[in-house]
PDB file of N, CA and C in Angstrom:
ATOM      1  N   SER A   1      12.685  -5.078 -78.755  1.00  0.00           N
ATOM      2  CA  SER A   1      14.667  -4.643 -78.154  1.00  0.00           C
ATOM      3  C   SER A   1      14.079  -3.712 -77.448  1.00  0.00           C
ATOM      4  N   LEU A   2      13.754  -2.651 -77.594  1.00  0.00           N
ATOM      5  CA  LEU A   2      13.487  -1.580 -77.113  1.00  0.00           C
ATOM      6  C   LEU A   2      12.453  -1.613 -75.909  1.00  0.00           C
ATOM      7  N   ILE A   3      11.727  -1.898 -76.256  1.00  0.00           N
ATOM      8  CA  ILE A   3      10.756  -2.509 -75.466  1.00  0.00           C
ATOM      9  C   ILE A   3      11.269  -3.287 -74.239  1.00  0.00           C
ATOM     10  N   THR A   4      11.534  -4.470 -74.777  1.00  0.00           N
ATOM     11  CA  THR A   4      12.209  -5.321 -73.659  1.00  0.00           C
ATOM     12  C   THR A   4      13.585  -4.459 -73.069  1.00  0.00           C
ATOM     13  N   SER A   5      14.675  -3.361 -73.493  1.00  0.00           N
ATOM     14  CA  SER A   5      15.199  -2.967 -72.413  1.00  0.00           C
ATOM     15  C   SER A   5      14.824  -2.336 -71.504  1.00  0.00           C
ATOM     16  N   GLN A   6      13.717  -0.699 -72.192  1.00  0.00           N
ATOM     17  CA  GLN A   6      13.244  -0.375 -71.367  1.00  0.00           C
ATOM     18  C   GLN A   6      12.820  -1.208 -70.065  1.00  0.00           C
ATOM     19  N   PHE A   7      11.479  -2.504 -70.239  1.00  0.00           N
ATOM     20  CA  PHE A   7      11.225  -2.913 -69.262  1.00  0.00           C
ATOM     21  C   PHE A   7      12.258  -3.523 -68.097  1.00  0.00           C
ATOM     22  N   ALA A   8      13.171  -4.004 -68.646  1.00  0.00           N
ATOM     23  CA  ALA A   8      14.125  -4.339 -67.868  1.00  0.00           C
ATOM     24  C   ALA A   8      14.814  -3.090 -66.817  1.00  0.00           C
ATOM     25  N   GLU A   9      15.215  -2.164 -67.424  1.00  0.00           N
ATOM     26  CA  GLU A   9      15.738  -0.859 -67.016  1.00  0.00           C
ATOM     27  C   GLU A   9      14.731  -0.485 -65.724  1.00  0.00           C
ATOM     28  N   LEU A  10      13.177  -0.134 -66.381  1.00  0.00           N
ATOM     29  CA  LEU A  10      12.154   0.118 -65.117  1.00  0.00           C
ATOM     30  C   LEU A  10      12.350  -1.173 -64.267  1.00  0.00           C
ATOM     31  N   HIS A  11      12.426  -2.440 -64.591  1.00  0.00           N
ATOM     32  CA  HIS A  11      12.467  -3.516 -63.233  1.00  0.00           C
ATOM     33  C   HIS A  11      13.285  -3.543 -62.454  1.00  0.00           C
ATOM     34  N   GLN A  12      14.676  -2.760 -62.995  1.00  0.00           N
ATOM     35  CA  GLN A  12      15.866  -2.714 -61.413  1.00  0.00           C
ATOM     36  C   GLN A  12      15.205  -0.950 -61.107  1.00  0.00           C
ATOM     37  N   ILE A  13      14.846  -0.691 -61.496  1.00  0.00           N
ATOM     38  CA  ILE A  13      14.613   0.678 -60.673  1.00  0.00           C
ATOM     39  C   ILE A  13      13.535   0.476 -59.760  1.00  0.00           C
ATOM     40  N   LEU A  14      12.571   0.091 -60.015  1.00  0.00           N
ATOM     41  CA  LEU A  14      11.567  -0.192 -59.226  1.00  0.00           C
ATOM     42  C   LEU A  14      11.953  -1.984 -58.150  1.00  0.00           C
ATOM     43  N   THR A  15      12.806  -2.502 -58.530  1.00  0.00           N
ATOM     44  CA  THR A  15      13.196  -3.312 -57.483  1.00  0.00           C
ATOM     45  C   THR A  15      14.556  -2.965 -56.522  1.00  0.00           C
ATOM     46  N   GLU A  16      15.216  -1.548 -56.939  1.00  0.00           N
ATOM     47  CA  GLU A  16      16.026  -1.026 -56.124  1.00  0.00           C
ATOM     48  C   GLU A  16      15.543  -0.265 -55.304  1.00  0.00           C
ATOM     49  N   LYS A  17      13.936   0.514 -55.531  1.00  0.00           N
ATOM     50  CA  LYS A  17      13.524   1.127 -54.976  1.00  0.00           C
ATOM     51  C   LYS A  17      12.540   0.112 -54.041  1.00  0.00           C
ATOM     52  N   GLU A  18      11.932  -0.572 -54.406  1.00  0.00           N
ATOM     53  CA  GLU A  18      11.185  -1.932 -53.507  1.00  0.00           C
ATOM     54  C   GLU A  18      12.731  -1.974 -51.990  1.00  0.00           C
ATOM     55  N   GLN A  19      13.413  -2.493 -52.403  1.00  0.00           N
ATOM     56  CA  GLN A  19      14.828  -2.701 -51.038  1.00  0.00           C
ATOM     57  C   GLN A  19      14.994  -1.615 -50.517  1.00  0.00           C
ATOM     58  N   ARG A  20      15.089  -0.271 -51.288  1.00  0.00           N
ATOM     59  CA  ARG A  20      15.180   0.945 -50.277  1.00  0.00           C
ATOM     60  C   ARG A  20      14.185   1.171 -49.041  1.00  0.00           C
ATOM     61  N   LEU A  21      12.436   0.884 -49.923  1.00  0.00           N
ATOM     62  CA  LEU A  21      11.950   1.375 -48.880  1.00  0.00           C
ATOM     63  C   LEU A  21      11.346  -0.201 -47.656  1.00  0.00           C
ATOM     64  N   LEU A  22      11.659  -1.102 -48.139  1.00  0.00           N
ATOM     65  CA  LEU A  22      11.692  -2.613 -47.489  1.00  0.00           C
ATOM     66  C   LEU A  22      13.153  -2.352 -46.105  1.00  0.00           C
ATOM     67  N   ARG A  23      14.149  -1.747 -46.753  1.00  0.00           N
ATOM     68  CA  ARG A  23      15.248  -1.020 -45.439  1.00  0.00           C
ATOM     69  C   ARG A  23      14.810  -0.386 -44.572  1.00  0.00           C
ATOM     70  N   GLY A  24      14.109   1.238 -45.311  1.00  0.00           N
ATOM     71  CA  GLY A  24      13.760   1.603 -44.470  1.00  0.00           C
ATOM     72  C   GLY A  24      12.438   1.362 -43.522  1.00  0.00           C
ATOM     73  N   ILE A  25      11.925   0.431 -44.069  1.00  0.00           N
ATOM     74  CA  ILE A  25      10.825  -0.220 -42.975  1.00  0.00           C
ATOM     75  C   ILE A  25      10.888  -0.675 -42.085  1.00  0.00           C
ATOM     76  N   ARG A  26      11.898  -1.746 -42.483  1.00  0.00           N
ATOM     77  CA  ARG A  26      12.535  -2.790 -41.340  1.00  0.00           C
ATOM     78  C   ARG A  26      13.321  -1.447 -40.472  1.00  0.00           C
ATOM     79  N   GLU A  27      13.960  -0.686 -40.490  1.00  0.00           N
ATOM     80  CA  GLU A  27      15.008   0.803 -39.362  1.00  0.00           C
ATOM     81  C   GLU A  27      13.813   0.828 -38.886  1.00  0.00           C
ATOM     82  N   GLU A  28      12.704   1.700 -39.294  1.00  0.00           N
ATOM     83  CA  GLU A  28      11.615   2.359 -38.245  1.00  0.00           C
ATOM     84  C   GLU A  28      11.368   1.415 -37.622  1.00  0.00           C
ATOM     85  N   GLU A  29      11.283  -0.031 -38.330  1.00  0.00           N
ATOM     86  CA  GLU A  29      10.327  -1.094 -37.201  1.00  0.00           C
ATOM     87  C   GLU A  29      11.435  -1.246 -36.131  1.00  0.00           C
ATOM     88  N   GLU A  30      12.554  -1.410 -36.219  1.00  0.00           N
ATOM     89  CA  GLU A  30      13.382  -1.482 -35.310  1.00  0.00           C
ATOM     90  C   GLU A  30      13.575  -0.465 -34.317  1.00  0.00           C
ATOM     91  N   LYS A  31      13.746   0.471 -34.742  1.00  0.00           N
ATOM     92  CA  LYS A  31      13.160   2.222 -33.648  1.00  0.00           C
ATOM     93  C   LYS A  31      12.302   1.650 -32.677  1.00  0.00           C
ATOM     94  N   ILE A  32      11.094   1.603 -33.358  1.00  0.00           N
ATOM     95  CA  ILE A  32       9.587   1.305 -32.706  1.00  0.00           C
ATOM     96  C   ILE A  32       9.603   0.230 -31.801  1.00  0.00           C
ATOM     97  N   VAL A  33      10.496  -1.119 -32.275  1.00  0.00           N
ATOM     98  CA  VAL A  33      10.769  -1.759 -31.143  1.00  0.00           C
ATOM     99  C   VAL A  33      11.577  -1.883 -30.109  1.00  0.00           C
ATOM    100  N   THR A  34      12.430  -1.040 -30.695  1.00  0.00           N
ATOM    101  CA  THR A  34      13.603  -0.632 -29.216  1.00  0.00           C
ATOM    102  C   THR A  34      13.050   0.591 -28.234  1.00  0.00           C
ATOM    103  N   THR A  35      12.042   1.381 -29.153  1.00  0.00           N
ATOM    104  CA  THR A  35      11.268   2.291 -27.943  1.00  0.00           C
ATOM    105  C   THR A  35      10.415   1.591 -27.174  1.00  0.00           C
ATOM    106  N   MET A  36       9.673   0.407 -28.171  1.00  0.00           N
ATOM    107  CA  MET A  36       8.848   0.111 -27.068  1.00  0.00           C
ATOM    108  C   MET A  36       9.354  -0.961 -25.749  1.00  0.00           C
ATOM    109  N   GLN A  37      10.290  -2.049 -26.764  1.00  0.00           N
ATOM    110  CA  GLN A  37      11.186  -2.351 -25.446  1.00  0.00           C
ATOM    111  C   GLN A  37      11.887  -1.491 -24.026  1.00  0.00           C
ATOM    112  N   LYS A  38      12.142  -0.426 -24.126  1.00  0.00           N
ATOM    113  CA  LYS A  38      12.361   0.656 -23.715  1.00  0.00           C
ATOM    114  C   LYS A  38      11.449   0.993 -22.189  1.00  0.00           C
ATOM    115  N   ASN A  39      10.423   1.477 -23.474  1.00  0.00           N
ATOM    116  CA  ASN A  39       9.340   1.733 -22.199  1.00  0.00           C
ATOM    117  C   ASN A  39       8.679   0.278 -21.584  1.00  0.00           C
ATOM    118  N   LEU A  40       8.924  -0.311 -22.075  1.00  0.00           N
ATOM    119  CA  LEU A  40       8.066  -1.749 -21.102  1.00  0.00           C
ATOM    120  C   LEU A  40       9.041  -1.866 -20.251  1.00  0.00           C
ATOM    121  N   GLN A  41      10.536  -1.991 -20.201  1.00  0.00           N
ATOM    122  CA  GLN A  41      11.465  -2.119 -19.601  1.00  0.00           C
ATOM    123  C   GLN A  41      10.977  -0.858 -18.530  1.00  0.00           C
ATOM    124  N   GLU A  42      10.851   0.671 -18.599  1.00  0.00           N
ATOM    125  CA  GLU A  42      10.561   1.353 -17.509  1.00  0.00           C
ATOM    126  C   GLU A  42       9.594   0.974 -16.996  1.00  0.00           C
ATOM    127  N   ILE A  43       8.402   0.526 -17.795  1.00  0.00           N
ATOM    128  CA  ILE A  43       7.149   0.249 -16.975  1.00  0.00           C
ATOM    129  C   ILE A  43       7.796  -0.603 -15.847  1.00  0.00           C
ATOM    130  N   GLN A  44       7.727  -2.041 -16.156  1.00  0.00           N
ATOM    131  CA  GLN A  44       8.378  -2.861 -15.550  1.00  0.00           C
ATOM    132  C   GLN A  44       9.220  -2.407 -14.123  1.00  0.00           C
ATOM    133  N   GLU A  45      10.153  -1.489 -14.574  1.00  0.00           N
ATOM    134  CA  GLU A  45      11.007  -1.003 -12.921  1.00  0.00           C
ATOM    135  C   GLU A  45       9.541  -0.657 -12.566  1.00  0.00           C
ATOM    136  N   ASN A  46       8.984   0.598 -12.662  1.00  0.00           N
ATOM    137  CA  ASN A  46       8.033   1.267 -11.822  1.00  0.00           C
ATOM    138  C   ASN A  46       7.295   0.325 -11.259  1.00  0.00           C
ATOM    139  N   LEU A  47       6.562  -0.486 -12.178  1.00  0.00           N
ATOM    140  CA  LEU A  47       5.510  -1.696 -11.375  1.00  0.00           C
ATOM    141  C   LEU A  47       6.307  -2.628 -10.260  1.00  0.00           C
ATOM    142  N   TYR A  48       7.764  -2.523 -10.475  1.00  0.00           N
ATOM    143  CA  TYR A  48       8.233  -3.869  -9.449  1.00  0.00           C
ATOM    144  C   TYR A  48       8.730  -2.162  -8.338  1.00  0.00           C
ATOM    145  N   SER A  49       8.914  -1.366  -8.284  1.00  0.00           N
ATOM    146  CA  SER A  49       8.910  -0.326  -6.793  1.00  0.00           C
ATOM    147  C   SER A  49       7.648   0.436  -6.179  1.00  0.00           C
ATOM    148  N   ILE A  50       6.240   0.174  -7.287  1.00  0.00           N
ATOM    149  CA  ILE A  50       5.564   0.008  -6.690  1.00  0.00           C
ATOM    150  C   ILE A  50       4.416  -0.822  -5.785  1.00  0.00           C
ATOM    151  N   GLN A  51       5.065  -1.981  -6.524  1.00  0.00           N
ATOM    152  CA  GLN A  51       4.821  -3.266  -5.755  1.00  0.00           C
ATOM    153  C   GLN A  51       5.457  -3.863  -4.621  1.00  0.00           C
ATOM    154  N   LYS A  52       6.717  -3.129  -4.616  1.00  0.00           N
ATOM    155  CA  LYS A  52       7.853  -2.719  -3.705  1.00  0.00           C
ATOM    156  C   LYS A  52       7.412  -2.362  -2.241  1.00  0.00           C
ATOM    157  N   GLU A  53       6.715  -0.477  -2.638  1.00  0.00           N
ATOM    158  CA  GLU A  53       6.854   0.301  -1.805  1.00  0.00           C
ATOM    159  C   GLU A  53       5.321  -0.319  -1.289  1.00  0.00           C
ATOM    160  N   LEU A  54       4.572  -1.047  -2.059  1.00  0.00           N
ATOM    161  CA  LEU A  54       3.082  -0.943  -1.329  1.00  0.00           C
ATOM    162  C   LEU A  54       2.804  -2.589  -0.624  1.00  0.00           C
ATOM    163  N   SER A  55       4.267  -3.140  -0.901  1.00  0.00           N
ATOM    164  CA  SER A  55       4.752  -4.292   0.252  1.00  0.00           C
ATOM    165  C   SER A  55       4.696  -4.027   1.807  1.00  0.00           C
ATOM    166  N   LYS A  56       6.043  -2.783   1.634  1.00  0.00           N
ATOM    167  CA  LYS A  56       5.847  -2.056   2.664  1.00  0.00           C
ATOM    168  C   LYS A  56       5.019  -1.602   3.497  1.00  0.00           C
ATOM    169  N   LEU A  57       3.952  -0.327   2.646  1.00  0.00           N
ATOM    170  CA  LEU A  57       2.893  -0.039   3.132  1.00  0.00           C
ATOM    171  C   LEU A  57       1.920  -0.933   3.861  1.00  0.00           C
ATOM    172  N   GLN A  58       1.979  -1.925   3.394  1.00  0.00           N
ATOM    173  CA  GLN A  58       0.540  -3.489   3.895  1.00  0.00           C
ATOM    174  C   GLN A  58       1.190  -3.841   5.312  1.00  0.00           C
ATOM    175  N   GLU A  59       3.170  -3.657   5.054  1.00  0.00           N
ATOM    176  CA  GLU A  59       3.797  -4.615   6.290  1.00  0.00           C
ATOM    177  C   GLU A  59       3.476  -3.048   7.555  1.00  0.00           C
ATOM    178  N   GLN A  60       3.215  -2.405   7.586  1.00  0.00           N
ATOM    179  CA  GLN A  60       3.394  -0.953   8.325  1.00  0.00           C
ATOM    180  C   GLN A  60       1.881  -0.879   9.049  1.00  0.00           C
ATOM    181  N   THR A  61       1.145  -1.244   7.881  1.00  0.00           N
ATOM    182  CA  THR A  61      -0.460  -1.289   7.830  1.00  0.00           C
ATOM    183  C   THR A  61      -0.573  -2.387   8.963  1.00  0.00           C
ATOM    184  N   ASP A  62      -0.123  -3.761   8.882  1.00  0.00           N
ATOM    185  CA  ASP A  62      -0.064  -4.715   9.628  1.00  0.00           C
ATOM    186  C   ASP A  62       0.387  -4.465  10.733  1.00  0.00           C
ATOM    187  N   HIS A  63       1.837  -4.231  11.003  1.00  0.00           N
ATOM    188  CA  HIS A  63       2.161  -3.918  12.506  1.00  0.00           C
ATOM    189  C   HIS A  63       1.620  -2.903  12.796  1.00  0.00           C
ATOM    190  N   GLU A  64       0.996  -1.655  12.436  1.00  0.00           N
ATOM    191  CA  GLU A  64       0.155  -0.237  13.128  1.00  0.00           C
ATOM    192  C   GLU A  64      -1.386  -1.746  13.510  1.00  0.00           C
ATOM    193  N   ASP A  65      -1.885  -2.246  12.743  1.00  0.00           N
ATOM    194  CA  ASP A  65      -3.239  -2.768  13.166  1.00  0.00           C
ATOM    195  C   ASP A  65      -2.940  -3.682  14.239  1.00  0.00           C
ATOM    196  N   GLY A  66      -1.462  -3.784  14.375  1.00  0.00           N
ATOM    197  CA  GLY A  66      -1.616  -5.289  15.630  1.00  0.00           C
ATOM    198  C   GLY A  66      -1.291  -4.402  16.914  1.00  0.00           C
ATOM    199  N   MET A  67      -0.425  -2.840  16.902  1.00  0.00           N
ATOM    200  CA  MET A  67      -0.095  -2.708  17.627  1.00  0.00           C
ATOM    201  C   MET A  67      -1.643  -1.635  18.363  1.00  0.00           C
ATOM    202  N   ILE A  68      -2.068  -1.345  17.383  1.00  0.00           N
ATOM    203  CA  ILE A  68      -3.561  -0.829  17.591  1.00  0.00           C
ATOM    204  C   ILE A  68      -4.413  -1.519  18.790  1.00  0.00           C
ATOM    205  N   PHE A  69      -4.221  -2.956  17.807  1.00  0.00           N
ATOM    206  CA  PHE A  69      -5.249  -3.883  18.866  1.00  0.00           C
ATOM    207  C   PHE A  69      -4.266  -4.425  20.032  1.00  0.00           C
ATOM    208  N   LEU A  70      -3.159  -4.248  20.203  1.00  0.00           N
ATOM    209  CA  LEU A  70      -2.566  -4.813  21.686  1.00  0.00           C
ATOM    210  C   LEU A  70      -2.999  -3.120  22.461  1.00  0.00           C
ATOM    211  N   LYS A  71      -2.825  -2.135  22.115  1.00  0.00           N
ATOM    212  CA  LYS A  71      -3.269  -0.950  22.515  1.00  0.00           C
ATOM    213  C   LYS A  71      -4.630  -0.931  23.527  1.00  0.00           C
ATOM    214  N   VAL A  72      -5.375  -1.655  22.161  1.00  0.00           N
ATOM    215  CA  VAL A  72      -6.961  -1.682  22.891  1.00  0.00           C
ATOM    216  C   VAL A  72      -7.151  -2.966  23.752  1.00  0.00           C
ATOM    217  N   ARG A  73      -6.602  -3.683  23.467  1.00  0.00           N
ATOM    218  CA  ARG A  73      -6.518  -5.206  24.434  1.00  0.00           C
ATOM    219  C   ARG A  73      -5.850  -4.614  25.679  1.00  0.00           C
ATOM    220  N   GLY A  74      -4.716  -3.839  25.824  1.00  0.00           N
ATOM    221  CA  GLY A  74      -4.183  -3.467  26.976  1.00  0.00           C
ATOM    222  C   GLY A  74      -5.210  -2.328  27.670  1.00  0.00           C
ATOM    223  N   TYR A  75      -6.138  -1.443  26.866  1.00  0.00           N
ATOM    224  CA  TYR A  75      -6.842  -0.481  27.741  1.00  0.00           C
ATOM    225  C   TYR A  75      -7.995  -0.897  27.886  1.00  0.00           C
ATOM    226  N   THR A  76      -8.387  -2.263  28.128  1.00  0.00           N
ATOM    227  CA  THR A  76      -9.628  -3.147  27.965  1.00  0.00           C
ATOM    228  C   THR A  76      -9.359  -3.525  28.943  1.00  0.00           C
ATOM    229  N   THR A  77      -8.096  -4.124  29.462  1.00  0.00           N
ATOM    230  CA  THR A  77      -7.543  -5.226  30.367  1.00  0.00           C
ATOM    231  C   THR A  77      -7.323  -4.180  31.318  1.00  0.00           C
ATOM    232  N   VAL A  78      -6.800  -2.477  30.846  1.00  0.00           N
ATOM    233  CA  VAL A  78      -6.846  -1.812  32.227  1.00  0.00           C
ATOM    234  C   VAL A  78      -8.086  -1.463  32.810  1.00  0.00           C
ATOM    235  N   TRP A  79      -9.163  -1.140  31.990  1.00  0.00           N
ATOM    236  CA  TRP A  79     -10.299  -0.444  32.468  1.00  0.00           C
ATOM    237  C   TRP A  79     -11.034  -1.512  33.082  1.00  0.00           C
ATOM    238  N   ARG A  80     -11.040  -3.047  32.568  1.00  0.00           N
ATOM    239  CA  ARG A  80     -11.614  -4.266  33.548  1.00  0.00           C
ATOM    240  C   ARG A  80     -11.310  -4.088  34.475  1.00  0.00           C
ATOM    241  N   SER A  81      -9.606  -4.214  34.919  1.00  0.00           N
ATOM    242  CA  SER A  81      -9.282  -4.464  36.258  1.00  0.00           C
ATOM    243  C   SER A  81      -9.742  -3.014  36.946  1.00  0.00           C
ATOM    244  N   GLU A  82      -9.933  -1.540  36.351  1.00  0.00           N
ATOM    245  CA  GLU A  82      -9.609  -0.770  36.890  1.00  0.00           C
ATOM    246  C   GLU A  82     -11.577  -0.693  38.082  1.00  0.00           C
ATOM    247  N   SER A  83     -12.109  -1.499  36.805  1.00  0.00           N
ATOM    248  CA  SER A  83     -13.938  -1.740  36.668  1.00  0.00           C
ATOM    249  C   SER A  83     -13.942  -2.749  37.848  1.00  0.00           C
ATOM    250  N   ALA A  84     -12.813  -3.765  37.540  1.00  0.00           N
ATOM    251  CA  ALA A  84     -13.830  -4.534  39.062  1.00  0.00           C
ATOM    252  C   ALA A  84     -13.280  -3.920  40.334  1.00  0.00           C
ATOM    253  N   GLN A  85     -11.770  -2.766  40.343  1.00  0.00           N
ATOM    254  CA  GLN A  85     -11.547  -2.606  41.593  1.00  0.00           C
ATOM    255  C   GLN A  85     -12.884  -1.401  42.196  1.00  0.00           C
ATOM    256  N   SER A  86     -12.992  -0.671  41.412  1.00  0.00           N
ATOM    257  CA  SER A  86     -14.038   0.226  41.159  1.00  0.00           C
ATOM    258  C   SER A  86     -15.583  -0.240  41.904  1.00  0.00           C
ATOM    259  N   GLN A  87     -15.678  -1.690  41.736  1.00  0.00           N
ATOM    260  CA  GLN A  87     -16.845  -2.458  41.894  1.00  0.00           C
ATOM    261  C   GLN A  87     -16.224  -3.018  43.495  1.00  0.00           C
ATOM    262  N   ASN A  88     -15.336  -3.497  43.349  1.00  0.00           N
ATOM    263  CA  ASN A  88     -14.753  -4.198  45.015  1.00  0.00           C
ATOM    264  C   ASN A  88     -14.896  -3.306  45.513  1.00  0.00           C
ATOM    265  N   ASP A  89     -14.678  -1.791  45.540  1.00  0.00           N
ATOM    266  CA  ASP A  89     -14.580  -0.163  46.171  1.00  0.00           C
ATOM    267  C   ASP A  89     -15.875  -0.044  46.994  1.00  0.00           C
ATOM    268  N   ILE A  90     -17.013  -0.121  45.650  1.00  0.00           N
ATOM    269  CA  ILE A  90     -18.245   0.159  45.798  1.00  0.00           C
ATOM    270  C   ILE A  90     -19.152  -1.077  46.860  1.00  0.00           C
ATOM    271  N   LYS A  91     -18.422  -2.427  46.769  1.00  0.00           N
ATOM    272  CA  LYS A  91     -19.200  -3.487  47.669  1.00  0.00           C
ATOM    273  C   LYS A  91     -18.631  -3.535  48.846  1.00  0.00           C
ATOM    274  N   GLY A  92     -17.718  -3.002  49.123  1.00  0.00           N
ATOM    275  CA  GLY A  92     -17.175  -2.405  50.720  1.00  0.00           C
ATOM    276  C   GLY A  92     -17.584  -1.499  50.856  1.00  0.00           C
ATOM    277  N   LEU A  93     -17.970  -0.385  50.099  1.00  0.00           N
ATOM    278  CA  LEU A  93     -18.651   0.682  51.038  1.00  0.00           C
ATOM    279  C   LEU A  93     -19.751   0.064  52.333  1.00  0.00           C
ATOM    280  N   ASP A  94     -20.526  -0.860  51.856  1.00  0.00           N
ATOM    281  CA  ASP A  94     -21.622  -1.275  53.136  1.00  0.00           C
ATOM    282  C   ASP A  94     -20.744  -1.651  54.456  1.00  0.00           C
ATOM    283  N   LYS A  95     -19.353  -2.404  54.653  1.00  0.00           N
ATOM    284  CA  LYS A  95     -18.920  -2.478  55.553  1.00  0.00           C
ATOM    285  C   LYS A  95     -18.457  -1.388  56.232  1.00  0.00           C
ATOM    286  N   LEU A  96     -18.148  -0.310  55.298  1.00  0.00           N
ATOM    287  CA  LEU A  96     -17.731   0.681  56.471  1.00  0.00           C
ATOM    288  C   LEU A  96     -18.098   1.884  57.093  1.00  0.00           C
ATOM    289  N   ASP A  97     -17.872   2.181  58.127  1.00  0.00           N
ATOM    290  CA  ASP A  97     -18.767   3.025  59.637  1.00  0.00           C
ATOM    291  C   ASP A  97     -18.233   4.250  59.057  1.00  0.00           C
ATOM    292  N   ALA A  98     -19.506   5.411  58.571  1.00  0.00           N
ATOM    293  CA  ALA A  98     -18.813   6.649  58.133  1.00  0.00           C
ATOM    294  C   ALA A  98     -18.627   7.115  59.491  1.00  0.00           C
ATOM    295  N   GLY A  99     -19.063   6.402  60.481  1.00  0.00           N
ATOM    296  CA  GLY A  99     -18.544   7.251  61.627  1.00  0.00           C
ATOM    297  C   GLY A  99     -16.842   7.656  62.579  1.00  0.00           C
ATOM    298  N   LYS A 100     -16.179   6.205  62.023  1.00  0.00           N
ATOM    299  CA  LYS A 100     -15.139   5.882  62.058  1.00  0.00           C
ATOM    300  C   LYS A 100     -14.289   6.773  61.192  1.00  0.00           C
ATOM    301  N   MET A 101     -14.672   6.803  59.824  1.00  0.00           N
ATOM    302  CA  MET A 101     -13.909   7.755  58.673  1.00  0.00           C
ATOM    303  C   MET A 101     -14.490   9.260  58.846  1.00  0.00           C
ATOM    304  N   PHE A 102     -15.364   9.517  59.081  1.00  0.00           N
ATOM    305  CA  PHE A 102     -15.527  10.409  59.643  1.00  0.00           C
ATOM    306  C   PHE A 102     -16.017  11.235  61.025  1.00  0.00           C
ATOM    307  N   PRO A 103     -15.244  11.453  62.071  1.00  0.00           N
ATOM    308  CA  PRO A 103     -15.774  11.561  62.921  1.00  0.00           C
ATOM    309  C   PRO A 103     -17.036  12.632  63.290  1.00  0.00           C
ATOM    310  N   THR A 104     -16.588  13.818  63.260  1.00  0.00           N
ATOM    311  CA  THR A 104     -17.511  14.444  62.766  1.00  0.00           C
ATOM    312  C   THR A 104     -18.860  14.195  62.365  1.00  0.00           C
ATOM    313  N   LEU A 105     -19.414  13.237  61.480  1.00  0.00           N
ATOM    314  CA  LEU A 105     -20.371  12.513  61.128  1.00  0.00           C
ATOM    315  C   LEU A 105     -21.005  12.187  62.196  1.00  0.00           C
ATOM    316  N   GLY A 106     -20.177  11.082  62.974  1.00  0.00           N
ATOM    317  CA  GLY A 106     -20.350  10.494  63.721  1.00  0.00           C
ATOM    318  C   GLY A 106     -21.358  11.263  64.733  1.00  0.00           C
ATOM    319  N   GLU A 107     -20.562  11.916  65.081  1.00  0.00           N
ATOM    320  CA  GLU A 107     -20.699  13.054  66.519  1.00  0.00           C
ATOM    321  C   GLU A 107     -22.411  13.374  66.015  1.00  0.00           C
ATOM    322  N   SER A 108     -22.633  14.372  65.020  1.00  0.00           N
ATOM    323  CA  SER A 108     -23.263  15.057  64.863  1.00  0.00           C
ATOM    324  C   SER A 108     -24.924  14.231  64.960  1.00  0.00           C
ATOM    325  N   ARG A 109     -24.439  12.626  64.403  1.00  0.00           N
ATOM    326  CA  ARG A 109     -25.693  11.832  64.454  1.00  0.00           C
ATOM    327  C   ARG A 109     -25.832  11.451  65.851  1.00  0.00           C
ATOM    328  N   THR A 110     -25.044  11.427  66.580  1.00  0.00           N
ATOM    329  CA  THR A 110     -25.363  11.458  68.085  1.00  0.00           C
ATOM    330  C   THR A 110     -25.843  12.224  68.465  1.00  0.00           C
ATOM    331  N   ARG A 111     -25.738  13.666  68.160  1.00  0.00           N
ATOM    332  CA  ARG A 111     -26.505  14.924  68.894  1.00  0.00           C
ATOM    333  C   ARG A 111     -27.747  14.976  68.356  1.00  0.00           C
TER     334      ARG A 111
END
């Protein structure tokens, strides 16, 4: 009987200790889960912010690429029109009379 009562007492002590340890583990688990949820929320907010910024930069890049294309296209159009004008000027040189344009040249040739 003494052994039975000591066994019951020891069993009670061990059961209480087990319950305290399980409670402590649950509390620690809740703290860890709460911290992890806060960290996850922060990571998701940072990710959203980065994606938003990346989207803005992509729009800027697309816009700038379009502007560069338009500028290059404009320059080539201007260059082509200037080039065409220069070619027309060169073609027209053979029709010019140097003596009329530069009378002193005409006089020196006749002399």
